[in-house]
Amino acid sequence: MDFNIYMQDFVNQARSEIADAGYEELKTPEEVDAALNREGTTLVAVNSICGCAGGVARPAAANAIHFDKRPDHLVTVFAGQDREATEQARSYFEGYPPSSPSFALMKDGKIATMIERQEIESSSPMEVVQQLQDIFDKHCEEV
């Protein structure tokens, strides 16, 4: 079995899980700049196939958005896959080291807050949903 083909199956599954939840995939630095400079709130899901943390983050990303308040825009970059887009997104996360998976909440093009990998990997999906919804409650408008 070709290991690269096997890994690509995981990558494709991880991509589709987050895209099917309604997140816009950003694959180039230009797409990142356009998306992260929008007015309003934008949740950036930094996707990853890394072990248990990725398996917690993707379901949390899908379920957290079913809430009274939510970001105006939902976007995702894929760490380790779309490297240039991920690096560009991380350039907006001032004060936070690279972390994947993670969530960044942007407000009018500036970082408002972030949930980093260490906060995800030690949590259940429902705990991360609660963390995200707490952020939405604080920074987002009702839908």
N, C-alpha and C. Protein backbone atom coordinates (compact mmCIF):
# COMPACT_ATOMS: atom_id res chain seq x y z
N MET A 1 0.84 -1.18 0.00
CA MET A 1 0.00 0.00 0.00
C MET A 1 0.89 1.24 0.00
N ASP A 2 0.54 2.19 -0.84
CA ASP A 2 1.26 3.45 -0.91
C ASP A 2 0.81 4.34 0.25
N PHE A 3 1.74 4.69 1.14
CA PHE A 3 1.44 5.48 2.33
C PHE A 3 0.84 6.83 1.96
N ASN A 4 1.32 7.47 0.89
CA ASN A 4 0.81 8.78 0.50
C ASN A 4 -0.66 8.73 0.10
N ILE A 5 -1.05 7.66 -0.59
CA ILE A 5 -2.46 7.50 -0.97
C ILE A 5 -3.31 7.31 0.28
N TYR A 6 -2.80 6.51 1.21
CA TYR A 6 -3.50 6.26 2.47
C TYR A 6 -3.68 7.57 3.25
N MET A 7 -2.62 8.37 3.35
CA MET A 7 -2.70 9.65 4.07
C MET A 7 -3.63 10.62 3.35
N GLN A 8 -3.65 10.58 2.03
CA GLN A 8 -4.53 11.48 1.28
C GLN A 8 -5.99 11.19 1.60
N ASP A 9 -6.32 9.93 1.89
CA ASP A 9 -7.69 9.61 2.30
C ASP A 9 -8.05 10.35 3.59
N PHE A 10 -7.13 10.37 4.55
CA PHE A 10 -7.36 11.09 5.80
C PHE A 10 -7.51 12.58 5.55
N VAL A 11 -6.65 13.12 4.71
CA VAL A 11 -6.70 14.55 4.39
C VAL A 11 -8.04 14.89 3.74
N ASN A 12 -8.45 14.11 2.76
CA ASN A 12 -9.71 14.37 2.07
C ASN A 12 -10.90 14.30 3.03
N GLN A 13 -10.87 13.34 3.94
CA GLN A 13 -11.95 13.21 4.93
C GLN A 13 -11.98 14.43 5.85
N ALA A 14 -10.80 14.87 6.31
CA ALA A 14 -10.72 16.03 7.19
C ALA A 14 -11.19 17.30 6.47
N ARG A 15 -10.82 17.43 5.20
CA ARG A 15 -11.28 18.59 4.42
C ARG A 15 -12.80 18.59 4.28
N SER A 16 -13.35 17.44 3.93
CA SER A 16 -14.79 17.38 3.68
C SER A 16 -15.59 17.58 4.96
N GLU A 17 -15.10 17.10 6.09
CA GLU A 17 -15.83 17.29 7.35
C GLU A 17 -16.04 18.77 7.64
N ILE A 18 -15.01 19.56 7.47
CA ILE A 18 -15.11 20.98 7.81
C ILE A 18 -15.84 21.76 6.72
N ALA A 19 -15.62 21.40 5.46
CA ALA A 19 -16.33 22.08 4.36
C ALA A 19 -17.82 21.76 4.40
N ASP A 20 -18.17 20.52 4.68
CA ASP A 20 -19.58 20.13 4.77
C ASP A 20 -20.30 20.85 5.90
N ALA A 21 -19.56 21.28 6.90
CA ALA A 21 -20.16 22.02 8.02
C ALA A 21 -20.41 23.49 7.66
N GLY A 22 -19.92 23.92 6.48
CA GLY A 22 -20.20 25.28 6.03
C GLY A 22 -19.02 26.23 6.08
N TYR A 23 -17.82 25.71 6.29
CA TYR A 23 -16.63 26.55 6.34
C TYR A 23 -16.05 26.70 4.94
N GLU A 24 -15.69 27.91 4.58
CA GLU A 24 -15.08 28.22 3.29
C GLU A 24 -13.60 27.89 3.35
N GLU A 25 -13.13 27.02 2.44
CA GLU A 25 -11.71 26.66 2.42
C GLU A 25 -10.89 27.76 1.78
N LEU A 26 -9.81 28.14 2.46
CA LEU A 26 -8.88 29.14 1.95
C LEU A 26 -7.58 28.41 1.62
N LYS A 27 -7.22 28.39 0.34
CA LYS A 27 -6.06 27.60 -0.08
C LYS A 27 -4.88 28.44 -0.55
N THR A 28 -5.08 29.76 -0.66
CA THR A 28 -3.98 30.63 -1.10
C THR A 28 -3.86 31.81 -0.14
N PRO A 29 -2.68 32.43 -0.10
CA PRO A 29 -2.53 33.63 0.73
C PRO A 29 -3.50 34.75 0.33
N GLU A 30 -3.79 34.86 -0.95
CA GLU A 30 -4.70 35.89 -1.43
C GLU A 30 -6.13 35.66 -0.92
N GLU A 31 -6.54 34.39 -0.92
CA GLU A 31 -7.87 34.06 -0.38
C GLU A 31 -7.93 34.37 1.12
N VAL A 32 -6.84 34.10 1.82
CA VAL A 32 -6.77 34.40 3.26
C VAL A 32 -6.92 35.90 3.49
N ASP A 33 -6.14 36.70 2.76
CA ASP A 33 -6.21 38.16 2.94
C ASP A 33 -7.62 38.68 2.67
N ALA A 34 -8.23 38.22 1.62
CA ALA A 34 -9.59 38.68 1.29
C ALA A 34 -10.58 38.29 2.39
N ALA A 35 -10.47 37.07 2.89
CA ALA A 35 -11.42 36.59 3.90
C ALA A 35 -11.20 37.23 5.26
N LEU A 36 -9.96 37.38 5.67
CA LEU A 36 -9.70 37.86 7.02
C LEU A 36 -9.78 39.37 7.15
N ASN A 37 -9.90 40.07 6.05
CA ASN A 37 -10.07 41.52 6.11
C ASN A 37 -11.52 41.95 5.93
N ARG A 38 -12.43 41.00 5.98
CA ARG A 38 -13.85 41.33 5.90
C ARG A 38 -14.30 42.03 7.17
N GLU A 39 -15.34 42.85 7.03
CA GLU A 39 -15.95 43.45 8.20
C GLU A 39 -16.72 42.39 8.96
N GLY A 40 -16.84 42.59 10.26
CA GLY A 40 -17.60 41.65 11.09
C GLY A 40 -16.69 40.62 11.72
N THR A 41 -17.30 39.54 12.16
CA THR A 41 -16.55 38.48 12.84
C THR A 41 -16.33 37.30 11.91
N THR A 42 -15.14 36.72 12.01
CA THR A 42 -14.77 35.57 11.19
C THR A 42 -14.13 34.52 12.09
N LEU A 43 -14.67 33.32 12.07
CA LEU A 43 -14.04 32.21 12.78
C LEU A 43 -13.13 31.48 11.80
N VAL A 44 -11.86 31.38 12.16
CA VAL A 44 -10.89 30.65 11.35
C VAL A 44 -10.62 29.32 12.05
N ALA A 45 -10.97 28.23 11.40
CA ALA A 45 -10.65 26.90 11.91
C ALA A 45 -9.37 26.46 11.23
N VAL A 46 -8.31 26.30 12.02
CA VAL A 46 -7.05 25.79 11.48
C VAL A 46 -7.15 24.27 11.57
N ASN A 47 -7.43 23.66 10.44
CA ASN A 47 -7.66 22.22 10.36
C ASN A 47 -6.35 21.46 10.41
N SER A 48 -6.43 20.23 10.87
CA SER A 48 -5.26 19.39 11.00
C SER A 48 -5.69 17.93 11.08
N ILE A 49 -4.85 17.03 10.61
CA ILE A 49 -5.16 15.62 10.77
C ILE A 49 -4.44 15.04 11.99
N CYS A 50 -3.83 15.91 12.78
CA CYS A 50 -3.09 15.48 13.96
C CYS A 50 -3.98 14.76 14.96
N GLY A 51 -3.71 13.49 15.18
CA GLY A 51 -4.30 12.66 16.22
C GLY A 51 -5.62 13.08 16.80
N CYS A 52 -5.67 13.00 18.12
CA CYS A 52 -6.94 13.21 18.81
C CYS A 52 -7.41 14.66 18.75
N ALA A 53 -6.51 15.61 18.69
CA ALA A 53 -6.92 17.02 18.69
C ALA A 53 -7.73 17.35 17.43
N GLY A 54 -7.30 16.84 16.28
CA GLY A 54 -8.06 17.07 15.05
C GLY A 54 -9.42 16.40 15.10
N GLY A 55 -9.47 15.23 15.72
CA GLY A 55 -10.73 14.51 15.87
C GLY A 55 -11.69 15.16 16.84
N VAL A 56 -11.20 16.07 17.66
CA VAL A 56 -12.04 16.86 18.57
C VAL A 56 -12.45 18.17 17.89
N ALA A 57 -11.50 18.81 17.21
CA ALA A 57 -11.74 20.13 16.64
C ALA A 57 -12.79 20.12 15.53
N ARG A 58 -12.71 19.16 14.62
CA ARG A 58 -13.65 19.17 13.49
C ARG A 58 -15.11 19.00 13.94
N PRO A 59 -15.43 18.03 14.79
CA PRO A 59 -16.83 17.95 15.25
C PRO A 59 -17.25 19.18 16.05
N ALA A 60 -16.34 19.75 16.81
CA ALA A 60 -16.65 20.97 17.57
C ALA A 60 -16.96 22.11 16.61
N ALA A 61 -16.16 22.24 15.55
CA ALA A 61 -16.38 23.30 14.56
C ALA A 61 -17.76 23.16 13.92
N ALA A 62 -18.15 21.94 13.64
CA ALA A 62 -19.43 21.68 12.98
C ALA A 62 -20.61 21.96 13.91
N ASN A 63 -20.47 21.64 15.17
CA ASN A 63 -21.60 21.75 16.10
C ASN A 63 -21.71 23.10 16.79
N ALA A 64 -20.61 23.81 16.98
CA ALA A 64 -20.63 25.07 17.72
C ALA A 64 -21.45 26.15 17.02
N ILE A 65 -21.56 26.05 15.71
CA ILE A 65 -22.22 27.12 14.95
C ILE A 65 -23.74 27.08 15.04
N HIS A 66 -24.28 26.07 15.68
CA HIS A 66 -25.72 25.97 15.88
C HIS A 66 -26.04 26.63 17.22
N PHE A 67 -26.05 27.97 17.21
CA PHE A 67 -26.13 28.76 18.43
C PHE A 67 -26.80 30.09 18.09
N ASP A 68 -27.36 30.75 19.09
CA ASP A 68 -28.04 32.04 18.88
C ASP A 68 -27.11 33.08 18.25
N LYS A 69 -25.88 33.07 18.72
CA LYS A 69 -24.88 34.00 18.20
C LYS A 69 -23.82 33.18 17.50
N ARG A 70 -23.36 33.69 16.37
CA ARG A 70 -22.29 33.01 15.64
C ARG A 70 -21.56 34.02 14.78
N PRO A 71 -20.35 33.67 14.35
CA PRO A 71 -19.58 34.60 13.50
C PRO A 71 -20.29 34.86 12.18
N ASP A 72 -19.98 36.02 11.61
CA ASP A 72 -20.54 36.38 10.30
C ASP A 72 -19.98 35.48 9.20
N HIS A 73 -18.72 35.05 9.37
CA HIS A 73 -18.04 34.26 8.34
C HIS A 73 -17.34 33.07 8.99
N LEU A 74 -17.35 31.94 8.30
CA LEU A 74 -16.67 30.72 8.74
C LEU A 74 -15.67 30.32 7.66
N VAL A 75 -14.40 30.25 8.03
CA VAL A 75 -13.36 29.90 7.06
C VAL A 75 -12.42 28.87 7.68
N THR A 76 -11.66 28.20 6.83
CA THR A 76 -10.70 27.22 7.31
C THR A 76 -9.44 27.22 6.44
N VAL A 77 -8.32 27.00 7.10
CA VAL A 77 -7.06 26.72 6.43
C VAL A 77 -6.59 25.36 6.93
N PHE A 78 -5.79 24.68 6.14
CA PHE A 78 -5.39 23.32 6.49
C PHE A 78 -3.89 23.27 6.74
N ALA A 79 -3.51 23.22 8.01
CA ALA A 79 -2.09 23.15 8.39
C ALA A 79 -1.47 21.87 7.83
N GLY A 80 -0.27 22.00 7.32
CA GLY A 80 0.43 20.85 6.77
C GLY A 80 0.03 20.49 5.35
N GLN A 81 -1.03 21.10 4.85
CA GLN A 81 -1.50 20.82 3.50
C GLN A 81 -1.42 22.06 2.63
N ASP A 82 -2.07 23.11 3.05
CA ASP A 82 -2.05 24.38 2.32
C ASP A 82 -1.15 25.32 3.10
N ARG A 83 0.15 25.04 3.00
CA ARG A 83 1.15 25.70 3.86
C ARG A 83 1.17 27.22 3.73
N GLU A 84 1.18 27.72 2.50
CA GLU A 84 1.25 29.18 2.31
C GLU A 84 0.01 29.88 2.86
N ALA A 85 -1.15 29.29 2.65
CA ALA A 85 -2.39 29.88 3.16
C ALA A 85 -2.38 29.86 4.70
N THR A 86 -1.91 28.76 5.26
CA THR A 86 -1.86 28.65 6.72
C THR A 86 -0.88 29.66 7.30
N GLU A 87 0.28 29.80 6.70
CA GLU A 87 1.26 30.80 7.17
C GLU A 87 0.67 32.20 7.09
N GLN A 88 -0.05 32.49 6.02
CA GLN A 88 -0.65 33.81 5.87
C GLN A 88 -1.70 34.04 6.96
N ALA A 89 -2.53 33.03 7.22
CA ALA A 89 -3.54 33.17 8.27
C ALA A 89 -2.87 33.39 9.62
N ARG A 90 -1.83 32.64 9.89
CA ARG A 90 -1.14 32.78 11.18
C ARG A 90 -0.50 34.15 11.35
N SER A 91 -0.20 34.83 10.25
CA SER A 91 0.37 36.18 10.36
C SER A 91 -0.64 37.16 10.96
N TYR A 92 -1.92 36.82 10.94
CA TYR A 92 -2.96 37.64 11.53
C TYR A 92 -3.16 37.35 13.02
N PHE A 93 -2.64 36.22 13.49
CA PHE A 93 -2.89 35.78 14.87
C PHE A 93 -1.82 36.33 15.80
N GLU A 94 -1.68 37.63 15.80
CA GLU A 94 -0.66 38.33 16.58
C GLU A 94 -0.73 37.95 18.06
N GLY A 95 0.44 37.58 18.60
CA GLY A 95 0.52 37.22 20.01
C GLY A 95 0.28 35.75 20.29
N TYR A 96 -0.02 34.97 19.26
CA TYR A 96 -0.28 33.54 19.43
C TYR A 96 0.71 32.74 18.59
N PRO A 97 1.35 31.73 19.17
CA PRO A 97 2.27 30.90 18.39
C PRO A 97 1.48 29.98 17.45
N PRO A 98 2.14 29.45 16.41
CA PRO A 98 1.46 28.50 15.53
C PRO A 98 0.90 27.33 16.32
N SER A 99 -0.31 26.95 16.00
CA SER A 99 -0.99 25.90 16.73
C SER A 99 -2.01 25.25 15.81
N SER A 100 -1.98 23.93 15.72
CA SER A 100 -2.99 23.26 14.91
C SER A 100 -3.32 21.91 15.53
N PRO A 101 -4.60 21.62 15.55
CA PRO A 101 -5.71 22.47 15.16
C PRO A 101 -5.89 23.61 16.15
N SER A 102 -6.61 24.63 15.72
CA SER A 102 -6.93 25.76 16.59
C SER A 102 -8.07 26.54 15.96
N PHE A 103 -8.58 27.50 16.73
CA PHE A 103 -9.63 28.38 16.25
C PHE A 103 -9.22 29.81 16.58
N ALA A 104 -9.36 30.70 15.60
CA ALA A 104 -9.10 32.11 15.83
C ALA A 104 -10.37 32.87 15.50
N LEU A 105 -10.76 33.76 16.39
CA LEU A 105 -11.89 34.62 16.09
C LEU A 105 -11.35 36.00 15.73
N MET A 106 -11.64 36.41 14.51
CA MET A 106 -11.22 37.70 14.00
C MET A 106 -12.40 38.67 14.06
N LYS A 107 -12.11 39.92 14.35
CA LYS A 107 -13.15 40.95 14.34
C LYS A 107 -12.62 42.13 13.55
N ASP A 108 -13.25 42.40 12.42
CA ASP A 108 -12.83 43.48 11.53
C ASP A 108 -11.35 43.40 11.19
N GLY A 109 -10.88 42.18 10.88
CA GLY A 109 -9.51 41.98 10.44
C GLY A 109 -8.47 41.85 11.54
N LYS A 110 -8.88 41.92 12.79
CA LYS A 110 -7.93 41.82 13.92
C LYS A 110 -8.29 40.61 14.78
N ILE A 111 -7.27 39.99 15.36
CA ILE A 111 -7.51 38.84 16.23
C ILE A 111 -8.23 39.30 17.50
N ALA A 112 -9.33 38.64 17.83
CA ALA A 112 -10.06 38.94 19.07
C ALA A 112 -9.66 37.94 20.15
N THR A 113 -9.58 36.66 19.78
CA THR A 113 -9.18 35.62 20.72
C THR A 113 -8.89 34.34 19.96
N MET A 114 -8.33 33.37 20.67
CA MET A 114 -7.95 32.13 20.02
C MET A 114 -8.11 30.96 20.99
N ILE A 115 -8.48 29.82 20.45
CA ILE A 115 -8.47 28.56 21.20
C ILE A 115 -7.34 27.75 20.59
N GLU A 116 -6.31 27.49 21.38
CA GLU A 116 -5.12 26.82 20.88
C GLU A 116 -5.19 25.31 21.07
N ARG A 117 -4.28 24.62 20.40
CA ARG A 117 -4.26 23.16 20.42
C ARG A 117 -4.32 22.59 21.83
N GLN A 118 -3.53 23.14 22.76
CA GLN A 118 -3.51 22.57 24.11
C GLN A 118 -4.86 22.67 24.80
N GLU A 119 -5.69 23.62 24.39
CA GLU A 119 -7.03 23.74 24.96
C GLU A 119 -8.00 22.76 24.30
N ILE A 120 -7.63 22.28 23.12
CA ILE A 120 -8.47 21.34 22.38
C ILE A 120 -8.13 19.90 22.73
N GLU A 121 -6.84 19.57 22.74
CA GLU A 121 -6.44 18.17 22.89
C GLU A 121 -6.79 17.58 24.25
N SER A 122 -6.97 18.41 25.26
CA SER A 122 -7.32 17.90 26.59
C SER A 122 -8.82 17.98 26.86
N SER A 123 -9.61 18.26 25.80
CA SER A 123 -11.05 18.45 25.95
C SER A 123 -11.83 17.48 25.10
N SER A 124 -13.11 17.35 25.43
CA SER A 124 -14.03 16.58 24.57
C SER A 124 -14.58 17.53 23.51
N PRO A 125 -15.16 17.00 22.43
CA PRO A 125 -15.76 17.88 21.44
C PRO A 125 -16.80 18.83 22.06
N MET A 126 -17.61 18.34 22.98
CA MET A 126 -18.63 19.19 23.59
C MET A 126 -18.02 20.29 24.45
N GLU A 127 -16.89 20.03 25.08
CA GLU A 127 -16.21 21.08 25.85
C GLU A 127 -15.67 22.17 24.91
N VAL A 128 -15.17 21.78 23.75
CA VAL A 128 -14.69 22.77 22.78
C VAL A 128 -15.87 23.53 22.18
N VAL A 129 -16.98 22.86 21.93
CA VAL A 129 -18.19 23.54 21.49
C VAL A 129 -18.55 24.63 22.49
N GLN A 130 -18.51 24.31 23.77
CA GLN A 130 -18.84 25.29 24.81
C GLN A 130 -17.85 26.45 24.80
N GLN A 131 -16.57 26.16 24.63
CA GLN A 131 -15.56 27.23 24.55
C GLN A 131 -15.85 28.15 23.38
N LEU A 132 -16.16 27.57 22.23
CA LEU A 132 -16.47 28.36 21.04
C LEU A 132 -17.73 29.19 21.25
N GLN A 133 -18.76 28.59 21.80
CA GLN A 133 -20.01 29.32 22.00
C GLN A 133 -19.85 30.43 23.04
N ASP A 134 -18.98 30.24 24.02
CA ASP A 134 -18.69 31.32 24.97
C ASP A 134 -18.06 32.51 24.25
N ILE A 135 -17.15 32.20 23.31
CA ILE A 135 -16.52 33.25 22.50
C ILE A 135 -17.56 33.94 21.62
N PHE A 136 -18.43 33.16 20.99
CA PHE A 136 -19.47 33.73 20.14
C PHE A 136 -20.37 34.65 20.97
N ASP A 137 -20.71 34.19 22.17
CA ASP A 137 -21.58 34.97 23.05
C ASP A 137 -20.97 36.33 23.37
N LYS A 138 -19.67 36.34 23.52
CA LYS A 138 -18.96 37.57 23.89
C LYS A 138 -18.72 38.50 22.69
N HIS A 139 -18.43 37.94 21.52
CA HIS A 139 -17.95 38.75 20.40
C HIS A 139 -18.90 38.84 19.19
N CYS A 140 -19.93 38.02 19.13
CA CYS A 140 -20.77 37.93 17.92
C CYS A 140 -22.18 38.44 18.18
N GLU A 141 -22.85 38.77 17.10
CA GLU A 141 -24.24 39.23 17.16
C GLU A 141 -25.18 38.03 16.99
N GLU A 142 -26.43 38.22 17.42
CA GLU A 142 -27.42 37.17 17.20
C GLU A 142 -27.70 37.01 15.72
N VAL A 143 -27.98 35.78 15.34
CA VAL A 143 -28.24 35.48 13.93
C VAL A 143 -29.71 35.74 13.63
